[in-house]
PDB file of N, CA and C in Angstrom:
ATOM      1  N   MET A   1     -32.982  43.466 -43.859  1.00  0.00           N
ATOM      2  CA  MET A   1     -32.323  44.635 -44.470  1.00  0.00           C
ATOM      3  C   MET A   1     -32.298  45.940 -43.668  1.00  0.00           C
ATOM      4  N   LEU A   2     -31.095  46.550 -43.239  1.00  0.00           N
ATOM      5  CA  LEU A   2     -31.115  47.826 -42.572  1.00  0.00           C
ATOM      6  C   LEU A   2     -31.102  49.015 -43.434  1.00  0.00           C
ATOM      7  N   SER A   3     -32.038  50.186 -42.705  1.00  0.00           N
ATOM      8  CA  SER A   3     -32.495  51.141 -43.342  1.00  0.00           C
ATOM      9  C   SER A   3     -32.119  52.162 -42.586  1.00  0.00           C
ATOM     10  N   ALA A   4     -31.277  53.416 -42.950  1.00  0.00           N
ATOM     11  CA  ALA A   4     -30.475  54.474 -42.363  1.00  0.00           C
ATOM     12  C   ALA A   4     -31.535  55.473 -42.282  1.00  0.00           C
ATOM     13  N   VAL A   5     -31.531  55.973 -41.000  1.00  0.00           N
ATOM     14  CA  VAL A   5     -32.579  56.855 -40.346  1.00  0.00           C
ATOM     15  C   VAL A   5     -31.721  58.212 -40.482  1.00  0.00           C
ATOM     16  N   SER A   6     -31.946  59.455 -40.672  1.00  0.00           N
ATOM     17  CA  SER A   6     -30.957  60.411 -40.775  1.00  0.00           C
ATOM     18  C   SER A   6     -31.998  61.669 -39.770  1.00  0.00           C
ATOM     19  N   VAL A   7     -31.081  61.683 -38.487  1.00  0.00           N
ATOM     20  CA  VAL A   7     -31.444  62.464 -37.315  1.00  0.00           C
ATOM     21  C   VAL A   7     -30.170  63.848 -37.580  1.00  0.00           C
ATOM     22  N   SER A   8     -30.660  64.946 -37.214  1.00  0.00           N
ATOM     23  CA  SER A   8     -29.681  66.210 -37.469  1.00  0.00           C
ATOM     24  C   SER A   8     -29.123  66.189 -36.283  1.00  0.00           C
ATOM     25  N   GLU A   9     -27.565  66.480 -36.324  1.00  0.00           N
ATOM     26  CA  GLU A   9     -27.006  66.765 -35.092  1.00  0.00           C
ATOM     27  C   GLU A   9     -27.804  67.872 -33.908  1.00  0.00           C
ATOM     28  N   ARG A  10     -28.194  68.518 -34.354  1.00  0.00           N
ATOM     29  CA  ARG A  10     -29.363  69.524 -33.850  1.00  0.00           C
ATOM     30  C   ARG A  10     -30.056  68.743 -32.778  1.00  0.00           C
ATOM     31  N   THR A  11     -30.772  67.954 -33.223  1.00  0.00           N
ATOM     32  CA  THR A  11     -32.088  67.193 -32.936  1.00  0.00           C
ATOM     33  C   THR A  11     -31.834  66.314 -31.849  1.00  0.00           C
ATOM     34  N   ILE A  12     -30.606  65.229 -32.221  1.00  0.00           N
ATOM     35  CA  ILE A  12     -29.724  64.771 -30.759  1.00  0.00           C
ATOM     36  C   ILE A  12     -29.199  65.777 -29.804  1.00  0.00           C
ATOM     37  N   ARG A  13     -28.636  66.764 -30.251  1.00  0.00           N
ATOM     38  CA  ARG A  13     -28.181  67.736 -28.909  1.00  0.00           C
ATOM     39  C   ARG A  13     -29.412  68.453 -28.241  1.00  0.00           C
ATOM     40  N   GLN A  14     -30.382  68.191 -29.103  1.00  0.00           N
ATOM     41  CA  GLN A  14     -31.556  69.333 -28.262  1.00  0.00           C
ATOM     42  C   GLN A  14     -32.151  67.932 -27.414  1.00  0.00           C
ATOM     43  N   TRP A  15     -32.297  66.826 -27.595  1.00  0.00           N
ATOM     44  CA  TRP A  15     -33.042  65.627 -26.527  1.00  0.00           C
ATOM     45  C   TRP A  15     -32.089  65.251 -25.909  1.00  0.00           C
ATOM     46  N   THR A  16     -30.603  64.938 -25.866  1.00  0.00           N
ATOM     47  CA  THR A  16     -29.522  64.993 -24.914  1.00  0.00           C
ATOM     48  C   THR A  16     -29.505  65.826 -23.969  1.00  0.00           C
ATOM     49  N   GLU A  17     -29.731  67.186 -24.336  1.00  0.00           N
ATOM     50  CA  GLU A  17     -29.618  68.248 -23.244  1.00  0.00           C
ATOM     51  C   GLU A  17     -30.900  68.168 -22.396  1.00  0.00           C
ATOM     52  N   SER A  18     -32.166  67.708 -23.252  1.00  0.00           N
ATOM     53  CA  SER A  18     -33.456  68.128 -22.368  1.00  0.00           C
ATOM     54  C   SER A  18     -33.153  66.497 -21.406  1.00  0.00           C
ATOM     55  N   ARG A  19     -32.841  65.530 -21.754  1.00  0.00           N
ATOM     56  CA  ARG A  19     -33.012  64.318 -21.155  1.00  0.00           C
ATOM     57  C   ARG A  19     -31.803  64.519 -20.023  1.00  0.00           C
ATOM     58  N   ARG A  20     -30.648  65.304 -20.187  1.00  0.00           N
ATOM     59  CA  ARG A  20     -29.908  65.315 -19.312  1.00  0.00           C
ATOM     60  C   ARG A  20     -30.578  66.457 -17.559  1.00  0.00           C
ATOM     61  N   LYS A  21     -31.343  67.246 -18.451  1.00  0.00           N
ATOM     62  CA  LYS A  21     -31.946  68.461 -17.618  1.00  0.00           C
ATOM     63  C   LYS A  21     -33.077  67.637 -16.448  1.00  0.00           C
ATOM     64  N   ASP A  22     -33.513  66.548 -17.476  1.00  0.00           N
ATOM     65  CA  ASP A  22     -34.518  66.073 -16.659  1.00  0.00           C
ATOM     66  C   ASP A  22     -34.007  64.890 -15.518  1.00  0.00           C
ATOM     67  N   LEU A  23     -32.820  64.379 -15.979  1.00  0.00           N
ATOM     68  CA  LEU A  23     -32.318  63.578 -14.954  1.00  0.00           C
ATOM     69  C   LEU A  23     -31.707  64.282 -13.544  1.00  0.00           C
ATOM     70  N   GLU A  24     -31.262  65.422 -14.108  1.00  0.00           N
ATOM     71  CA  GLU A  24     -30.690  66.363 -13.020  1.00  0.00           C
ATOM     72  C   GLU A  24     -31.902  66.726 -11.861  1.00  0.00           C
ATOM     73  N   GLU A  25     -33.183  66.886 -12.787  1.00  0.00           N
ATOM     74  CA  GLU A  25     -34.435  67.157 -11.619  1.00  0.00           C
ATOM     75  C   GLU A  25     -34.576  66.016 -10.978  1.00  0.00           C
ATOM     76  N   GLU A  26     -34.656  65.102 -11.445  1.00  0.00           N
ATOM     77  CA  GLU A  26     -34.958  64.056 -10.612  1.00  0.00           C
ATOM     78  C   GLU A  26     -33.783  63.460  -9.605  1.00  0.00           C
ATOM     79  N   ARG A  27     -32.680  63.638 -10.066  1.00  0.00           N
ATOM     80  CA  ARG A  27     -31.421  63.408  -8.843  1.00  0.00           C
ATOM     81  C   ARG A  27     -31.826  64.599  -7.789  1.00  0.00           C
ATOM     82  N   ASN A  28     -32.166  66.038  -8.032  1.00  0.00           N
ATOM     83  CA  ASN A  28     -32.420  66.782  -7.256  1.00  0.00           C
ATOM     84  C   ASN A  28     -33.417  66.723  -6.472  1.00  0.00           C
ATOM     85  N   ARG A  29     -34.648  65.993  -6.988  1.00  0.00           N
ATOM     86  CA  ARG A  29     -36.031  65.569  -6.132  1.00  0.00           C
ATOM     87  C   ARG A  29     -35.797  64.868  -4.971  1.00  0.00           C
ATOM     88  N   LEU A  30     -34.876  63.632  -5.600  1.00  0.00           N
ATOM     89  CA  LEU A  30     -34.338  62.370  -4.702  1.00  0.00           C
ATOM     90  C   LEU A  30     -33.731  62.920  -3.499  1.00  0.00           C
ATOM     91  N   ILE A  31     -32.663  63.750  -3.972  1.00  0.00           N
ATOM     92  CA  ILE A  31     -31.721  64.419  -2.771  1.00  0.00           C
ATOM     93  C   ILE A  31     -32.819  64.984  -1.651  1.00  0.00           C
ATOM     94  N   LEU A  32     -33.348  66.066  -2.354  1.00  0.00           N
ATOM     95  CA  LEU A  32     -34.289  66.577  -1.190  1.00  0.00           C
ATOM     96  C   LEU A  32     -35.398  65.820  -0.684  1.00  0.00           C
ATOM     97  N   ASP A  33     -35.981  64.827  -1.139  1.00  0.00           N
ATOM     98  CA  ASP A  33     -36.535  63.924  -0.322  1.00  0.00           C
ATOM     99  C   ASP A  33     -36.201  63.045   0.754  1.00  0.00           C
ATOM    100  N   LEU A  34     -34.916  63.085   0.293  1.00  0.00           N
ATOM    101  CA  LEU A  34     -34.016  62.166   1.392  1.00  0.00           C
ATOM    102  C   LEU A  34     -33.599  63.072   2.528  1.00  0.00           C
ATOM    103  N   TYR A  35     -33.406  64.380   1.879  1.00  0.00           N
ATOM    104  CA  TYR A  35     -32.775  65.022   3.051  1.00  0.00           C
ATOM    105  C   TYR A  35     -34.010  65.513   3.937  1.00  0.00           C
ATOM    106  N   LEU A  36     -35.388  65.893   3.526  1.00  0.00           N
ATOM    107  CA  LEU A  36     -36.478  66.090   4.263  1.00  0.00           C
ATOM    108  C   LEU A  36     -37.409  64.849   5.381  1.00  0.00           C
ATOM    109  N   LYS A  37     -36.634  63.656   5.165  1.00  0.00           N
ATOM    110  CA  LYS A  37     -37.050  62.490   5.698  1.00  0.00           C
ATOM    111  C   LYS A  37     -36.173  62.703   6.895  1.00  0.00           C
ATOM    112  N   ALA A  38     -35.010  63.742   7.085  1.00  0.00           N
ATOM    113  CA  ALA A  38     -34.484  64.114   8.147  1.00  0.00           C
ATOM    114  C   ALA A  38     -33.950  62.621   9.000  1.00  0.00           C
ATOM    115  N   GLU A  39     -33.885  61.497   8.008  1.00  0.00           N
ATOM    116  CA  GLU A  39     -33.122  60.517   8.846  1.00  0.00           C
ATOM    117  C   GLU A  39     -31.859  60.241   7.809  1.00  0.00           C
ATOM    118  N   ASN A  40     -31.405  60.960   6.884  1.00  0.00           N
ATOM    119  CA  ASN A  40     -30.451  60.611   6.131  1.00  0.00           C
ATOM    120  C   ASN A  40     -29.582  61.915   6.275  1.00  0.00           C
ATOM    121  N   THR A  41     -28.098  61.623   6.315  1.00  0.00           N
ATOM    122  CA  THR A  41     -27.061  62.588   6.516  1.00  0.00           C
ATOM    123  C   THR A  41     -26.563  62.850   4.677  1.00  0.00           C
ATOM    124  N   GLN A  42     -26.045  63.762   4.155  1.00  0.00           N
ATOM    125  CA  GLN A  42     -25.563  64.181   3.054  1.00  0.00           C
ATOM    126  C   GLN A  42     -24.435  63.383   2.674  1.00  0.00           C
ATOM    127  N   GLU A  43     -23.940  62.784   3.676  1.00  0.00           N
ATOM    128  CA  GLU A  43     -22.971  61.908   3.162  1.00  0.00           C
ATOM    129  C   GLU A  43     -23.911  60.338   3.232  1.00  0.00           C
ATOM    130  N   VAL A  44     -24.750  59.609   3.660  1.00  0.00           N
ATOM    131  CA  VAL A  44     -25.536  58.842   3.435  1.00  0.00           C
ATOM    132  C   VAL A  44     -26.333  59.042   1.720  1.00  0.00           C
ATOM    133  N   ILE A  45     -26.940  60.051   1.795  1.00  0.00           N
ATOM    134  CA  ILE A  45     -27.512  60.533   0.527  1.00  0.00           C
ATOM    135  C   ILE A  45     -26.321  60.442  -0.570  1.00  0.00           C
ATOM    136  N   ALA A  46     -25.376  60.843  -0.745  1.00  0.00           N
ATOM    137  CA  ALA A  46     -24.461  60.895  -1.383  1.00  0.00           C
ATOM    138  C   ALA A  46     -24.316  59.487  -2.074  1.00  0.00           C
ATOM    139  N   GLU A  47     -23.951  58.929  -1.043  1.00  0.00           N
ATOM    140  CA  GLU A  47     -23.469  57.381  -1.445  1.00  0.00           C
ATOM    141  C   GLU A  47     -24.801  56.716  -2.055  1.00  0.00           C
ATOM    142  N   ARG A  48     -26.003  56.790  -1.245  1.00  0.00           N
ATOM    143  CA  ARG A  48     -27.000  55.933  -1.853  1.00  0.00           C
ATOM    144  C   ARG A  48     -27.303  56.422  -3.212  1.00  0.00           C
ATOM    145  N   LEU A  49     -27.575  57.578  -3.683  1.00  0.00           N
ATOM    146  CA  LEU A  49     -27.985  57.928  -5.132  1.00  0.00           C
ATOM    147  C   LEU A  49     -26.034  58.237  -6.091  1.00  0.00           C
ATOM    148  N   ASN A  50     -24.832  57.886  -5.550  1.00  0.00           N
ATOM    149  CA  ASN A  50     -23.846  57.835  -6.201  1.00  0.00           C
ATOM    150  C   ASN A  50     -23.397  58.829  -6.799  1.00  0.00           C
ATOM    151  N   VAL A  51     -23.384  59.851  -5.862  1.00  0.00           N
ATOM    152  CA  VAL A  51     -22.819  61.315  -6.285  1.00  0.00           C
ATOM    153  C   VAL A  51     -22.045  62.022  -5.187  1.00  0.00           C
ATOM    154  N   GLY A  52     -21.179  62.947  -5.339  1.00  0.00           N
ATOM    155  CA  GLY A  52     -20.603  63.719  -4.359  1.00  0.00           C
ATOM    156  C   GLY A  52     -21.291  64.527  -3.503  1.00  0.00           C
ATOM    157  N   GLU A  53     -20.498  64.317  -1.890  1.00  0.00           N
ATOM    158  CA  GLU A  53     -21.160  65.083  -1.117  1.00  0.00           C
ATOM    159  C   GLU A  53     -21.363  66.593  -1.661  1.00  0.00           C
ATOM    160  N   ALA A  54     -20.269  67.134  -2.451  1.00  0.00           N
ATOM    161  CA  ALA A  54     -20.615  68.593  -2.969  1.00  0.00           C
ATOM    162  C   ALA A  54     -21.606  68.709  -3.582  1.00  0.00           C
ATOM    163  N   THR A  55     -22.208  67.726  -4.479  1.00  0.00           N
ATOM    164  CA  THR A  55     -23.534  67.999  -5.264  1.00  0.00           C
ATOM    165  C   THR A  55     -24.673  68.051  -4.234  1.00  0.00           C
ATOM    166  N   VAL A  56     -24.641  67.198  -3.570  1.00  0.00           N
ATOM    167  CA  VAL A  56     -26.128  67.014  -2.249  1.00  0.00           C
ATOM    168  C   VAL A  56     -26.132  68.157  -1.465  1.00  0.00           C
ATOM    169  N   ASN A  57     -24.706  68.760  -1.245  1.00  0.00           N
ATOM    170  CA  ASN A  57     -24.944  70.071  -0.297  1.00  0.00           C
ATOM    171  C   ASN A  57     -25.313  71.048  -1.348  1.00  0.00           C
ATOM    172  N   ARG A  58     -24.806  71.516  -2.207  1.00  0.00           N
ATOM    173  CA  ARG A  58     -25.107  72.285  -3.403  1.00  0.00           C
ATOM    174  C   ARG A  58     -26.760  72.246  -3.567  1.00  0.00           C
ATOM    175  N   THR A  59     -27.138  71.215  -3.986  1.00  0.00           N
ATOM    176  CA  THR A  59     -28.233  71.037  -4.583  1.00  0.00           C
ATOM    177  C   THR A  59     -29.626  71.541  -3.085  1.00  0.00           C
ATOM    178  N   ILE A  60     -28.794  70.778  -1.753  1.00  0.00           N
ATOM    179  CA  ILE A  60     -29.888  71.544  -0.875  1.00  0.00           C
ATOM    180  C   ILE A  60     -29.641  73.004  -0.270  1.00  0.00           C
ATOM    181  N   GLU A  61     -28.613  73.810  -0.305  1.00  0.00           N
ATOM    182  CA  GLU A  61     -28.212  74.788  -0.120  1.00  0.00           C
ATOM    183  C   GLU A  61     -29.273  76.015  -1.168  1.00  0.00           C
ATOM    184  N   ASN A  62     -28.965  75.403  -2.487  1.00  0.00           N
ATOM    185  CA  ASN A  62     -29.897  76.043  -3.504  1.00  0.00           C
ATOM    186  C   ASN A  62     -31.402  76.230  -3.301  1.00  0.00           C
ATOM    187  N   PHE A  63     -31.766  75.008  -2.769  1.00  0.00           N
ATOM    188  CA  PHE A  63     -33.047  74.778  -2.748  1.00  0.00           C
ATOM    189  C   PHE A  63     -33.331  75.657  -1.404  1.00  0.00           C
ATOM    190  N   LEU A  64     -32.743  75.839  -0.434  1.00  0.00           N
ATOM    191  CA  LEU A  64     -33.068  76.523   0.502  1.00  0.00           C
ATOM    192  C   LEU A  64     -32.693  78.198   0.670  1.00  0.00           C
ATOM    193  N   GLN A  65     -32.120  78.605  -0.086  1.00  0.00           N
ATOM    194  CA  GLN A  65     -31.586  79.917  -0.534  1.00  0.00           C
ATOM    195  C   GLN A  65     -32.723  80.370  -1.519  1.00  0.00           C
ATOM    196  N   ASN A  66     -33.377  79.590  -2.399  1.00  0.00           N
ATOM    197  CA  ASN A  66     -34.219  80.056  -3.298  1.00  0.00           C
ATOM    198  C   ASN A  66     -35.523  80.311  -2.656  1.00  0.00           C
ATOM    199  N   GLY A  67     -35.941  79.687  -1.478  1.00  0.00           N
ATOM    200  CA  GLY A  67     -36.838  79.858  -0.612  1.00  0.00           C
ATOM    201  C   GLY A  67     -38.039  79.415  -1.505  1.00  0.00           C
ATOM    202  N   ASN A  68     -38.110  78.221  -2.023  1.00  0.00           N
ATOM    203  CA  ASN A  68     -39.181  77.518  -3.058  1.00  0.00           C
ATOM    204  C   ASN A  68     -39.969  76.879  -1.905  1.00  0.00           C
ATOM    205  N   LEU A  69     -40.679  77.816  -1.115  1.00  0.00           N
ATOM    206  CA  LEU A  69     -41.708  76.768  -0.249  1.00  0.00           C
ATOM    207  C   LEU A  69     -42.783  75.964  -0.604  1.00  0.00           C
ATOM    208  N   ALA A  70     -43.254  76.257  -1.699  1.00  0.00           N
ATOM    209  CA  ALA A  70     -44.196  75.350  -2.461  1.00  0.00           C
ATOM    210  C   ALA A  70     -43.406  73.909  -2.834  1.00  0.00           C
ATOM    211  N   LYS A  71     -42.261  73.916  -3.481  1.00  0.00           N
ATOM    212  CA  LYS A  71     -41.958  72.755  -3.798  1.00  0.00           C
ATOM    213  C   LYS A  71     -41.363  72.349  -2.495  1.00  0.00           C
ATOM    214  N   MET A  72     -41.218  72.855  -1.491  1.00  0.00           N
ATOM    215  CA  MET A  72     -40.680  72.201  -0.054  1.00  0.00           C
ATOM    216  C   MET A  72     -42.299  71.478   0.417  1.00  0.00           C
ATOM    217  N   GLU A  73     -43.180  72.113   0.491  1.00  0.00           N
ATOM    218  CA  GLU A  73     -44.376  71.473   0.919  1.00  0.00           C
ATOM    219  C   GLU A  73     -44.898  70.616  -0.177  1.00  0.00           C
ATOM    220  N   GLU A  74     -44.550  70.386  -1.287  1.00  0.00           N
ATOM    221  CA  GLU A  74     -45.107  69.604  -1.950  1.00  0.00           C
ATOM    222  C   GLU A  74     -44.009  67.839  -1.807  1.00  0.00           C
ATOM    223  N   ILE A  75     -42.984  68.246  -1.850  1.00  0.00           N
ATOM    224  CA  ILE A  75     -42.111  67.132  -1.270  1.00  0.00           C
ATOM    225  C   ILE A  75     -42.222  66.558   0.051  1.00  0.00           C
ATOM    226  N   SER A  76     -42.712  67.499   0.812  1.00  0.00           N
ATOM    227  CA  SER A  76     -43.050  67.081   2.274  1.00  0.00           C
ATOM    228  C   SER A  76     -43.890  66.320   2.240  1.00  0.00           C
ATOM    229  N   LEU A  77     -44.841  66.780   1.494  1.00  0.00           N
ATOM    230  CA  LEU A  77     -46.397  65.762   1.469  1.00  0.00           C
ATOM    231  C   LEU A  77     -45.980  64.653   1.048  1.00  0.00           C
ATOM    232  N   HIS A  78     -45.203  64.469  -0.013  1.00  0.00           N
ATOM    233  CA  HIS A  78     -45.206  62.912  -0.853  1.00  0.00           C
ATOM    234  C   HIS A  78     -44.131  62.061   0.543  1.00  0.00           C
ATOM    235  N   THR A  79     -43.139  63.037   1.106  1.00  0.00           N
ATOM    236  CA  THR A  79     -42.652  62.302   1.992  1.00  0.00           C
ATOM    237  C   THR A  79     -43.277  61.408   3.172  1.00  0.00           C
ATOM    238  N   PHE A  80     -43.999  62.237   3.904  1.00  0.00           N
ATOM    239  CA  PHE A  80     -44.876  61.916   4.625  1.00  0.00           C
ATOM    240  C   PHE A  80     -46.267  60.969   4.523  1.00  0.00           C
ATOM    241  N   THR A  81     -46.478  61.093   3.149  1.00  0.00           N
ATOM    242  CA  THR A  81     -47.270  59.935   2.696  1.00  0.00           C
ATOM    243  C   THR A  81     -46.873  58.743   2.275  1.00  0.00           C
ATOM    244  N   ASP A  82     -45.538  58.909   2.009  1.00  0.00           N
ATOM    245  CA  ASP A  82     -45.001  57.595   1.823  1.00  0.00           C
ATOM    246  C   ASP A  82     -44.526  57.178   2.959  1.00  0.00           C
ATOM    247  N   MET A  83     -44.449  57.712   3.922  1.00  0.00           N
ATOM    248  CA  MET A  83     -44.035  57.065   5.318  1.00  0.00           C
ATOM    249  C   MET A  83     -45.210  56.518   5.805  1.00  0.00           C
ATOM    250  N   TYR A  84     -46.221  56.900   5.876  1.00  0.00           N
ATOM    251  CA  TYR A  84     -47.561  56.340   6.531  1.00  0.00           C
ATOM    252  C   TYR A  84     -48.631  55.500   5.661  1.00  0.00           C
TER     253      TYR A  84
END
């Protein structure tokens, strides 16, 4: 026997927005991680992650323009730790 579960449209909207933001942040982290390894071109990153080159370029430009050095150091640490 199936029972109906009532979930409001607002709840669904909030969850999907939150999930979309989480996925976007993860994608951006991957883009920056691959970029900082310095062995990947923007074209290669775009193909690997199945996104447009413009998305890769925009992500890198936003990161560099915002001067988020703490995040850059964090990503660089993970990159070099993973390499060795």
